[in-house]
C-alpha atoms as a PDB file:
ATOM      1  CA  MET A   1      -8.454  18.470  -8.484  1.00  0.00           C
ATOM      2  CA  HIS A   2      -7.878  16.464 -11.611  1.00  0.00           C
ATOM      3  CA  LEU A   3      -5.978  13.007 -12.217  1.00  0.00           C
ATOM      4  CA  ILE A   4      -4.353  12.124 -15.310  1.00  0.00           C
ATOM      5  CA  VAL A   5      -3.425   8.514 -15.687  1.00  0.00           C
ATOM      6  CA  GLY A   6      -1.277   7.141 -18.468  1.00  0.00           C
ATOM      7  CA  LEU A   7      -0.678   3.412 -19.272  1.00  0.00           C
ATOM      8  CA  GLY A   8       2.342   1.736 -20.540  1.00  0.00           C
ATOM      9  CA  ASN A   9       4.489  -1.326 -20.630  1.00  0.00           C
ATOM     10  CA  PRO A  10       8.007  -1.323 -18.972  1.00  0.00           C
ATOM     11  CA  GLY A  11      11.041  -2.729 -20.783  1.00  0.00           C
ATOM     12  CA  GLU A  12      13.060  -1.756 -23.738  1.00  0.00           C
ATOM     13  CA  LYS A  13      10.734  -3.891 -25.900  1.00  0.00           C
ATOM     14  CA  TYR A  14       8.026  -1.277 -25.706  1.00  0.00           C
ATOM     15  CA  GLY A  15      10.077   2.018 -25.082  1.00  0.00           C
ATOM     16  CA  ASN A  16       8.764   4.324 -28.257  1.00  0.00           C
ATOM     17  CA  SER A  17       5.834   2.033 -29.126  1.00  0.00           C
ATOM     18  CA  ARG A  18       2.077   2.669 -29.397  1.00  0.00           C
ATOM     19  CA  HIS A  19       1.853   0.516 -26.360  1.00  0.00           C
ATOM     20  CA  ASN A  20       3.449   3.236 -24.235  1.00  0.00           C
ATOM     21  CA  VAL A  21       1.931   6.479 -25.806  1.00  0.00           C
ATOM     22  CA  GLY A  22      -0.356   6.875 -22.379  1.00  0.00           C
ATOM     23  CA  PHE A  23       2.831   7.018 -20.610  1.00  0.00           C
ATOM     24  CA  MET A  24       4.598   9.250 -22.881  1.00  0.00           C
ATOM     25  CA  VAL A  25       1.823  11.740 -22.774  1.00  0.00           C
ATOM     26  CA  VAL A  26       1.871  11.924 -19.004  1.00  0.00           C
ATOM     27  CA  ASP A  27       5.653  12.084 -18.938  1.00  0.00           C
ATOM     28  CA  THR A  28       5.219  15.015 -21.120  1.00  0.00           C
ATOM     29  CA  LEU A  29       2.944  16.679 -19.377  1.00  0.00           C
ATOM     30  CA  ALA A  30       4.772  16.215 -15.884  1.00  0.00           C
ATOM     31  CA  GLN A  31       7.783  17.973 -17.800  1.00  0.00           C
ATOM     32  CA  LYS A  32       5.735  20.870 -19.163  1.00  0.00           C
ATOM     33  CA  TRP A  33       4.251  21.513 -15.807  1.00  0.00           C
ATOM     34  CA  GLY A  34       7.338  21.318 -13.701  1.00  0.00           C
ATOM     35  CA  ALA A  35       6.113  17.890 -11.887  1.00  0.00           C
ATOM     36  CA  GLY A  36       9.408  16.229 -12.238  1.00  0.00           C
ATOM     37  CA  ARG A  37      10.347  13.198 -13.916  1.00  0.00           C
ATOM     38  CA  VAL A  38       7.910  10.042 -13.937  1.00  0.00           C
ATOM     39  CA  LYS A  39       9.722   6.535 -13.655  1.00  0.00           C
ATOM     40  CA  TRP A  40       8.664   2.777 -13.737  1.00  0.00           C
ATOM     41  CA  GLU A  41       8.356   0.781 -10.749  1.00  0.00           C
ATOM     42  CA  GLU A  42       8.214  -2.707 -11.238  1.00  0.00           C
ATOM     43  CA  ASP A  43       6.314  -4.949  -9.060  1.00  0.00           C
ATOM     44  CA  LYS A  44       8.264  -7.367  -7.056  1.00  0.00           C
END
């Protein structure tokens, strides 16, 4: 079993910036491997 973690920042401000590269990589891999859409969950 492998775990792939991609960090990023929520919000429009960082949407397609270098701050979200990890999140974008994990999102792309999830789509490629059929794992479904990755979404943000904000702390409340």
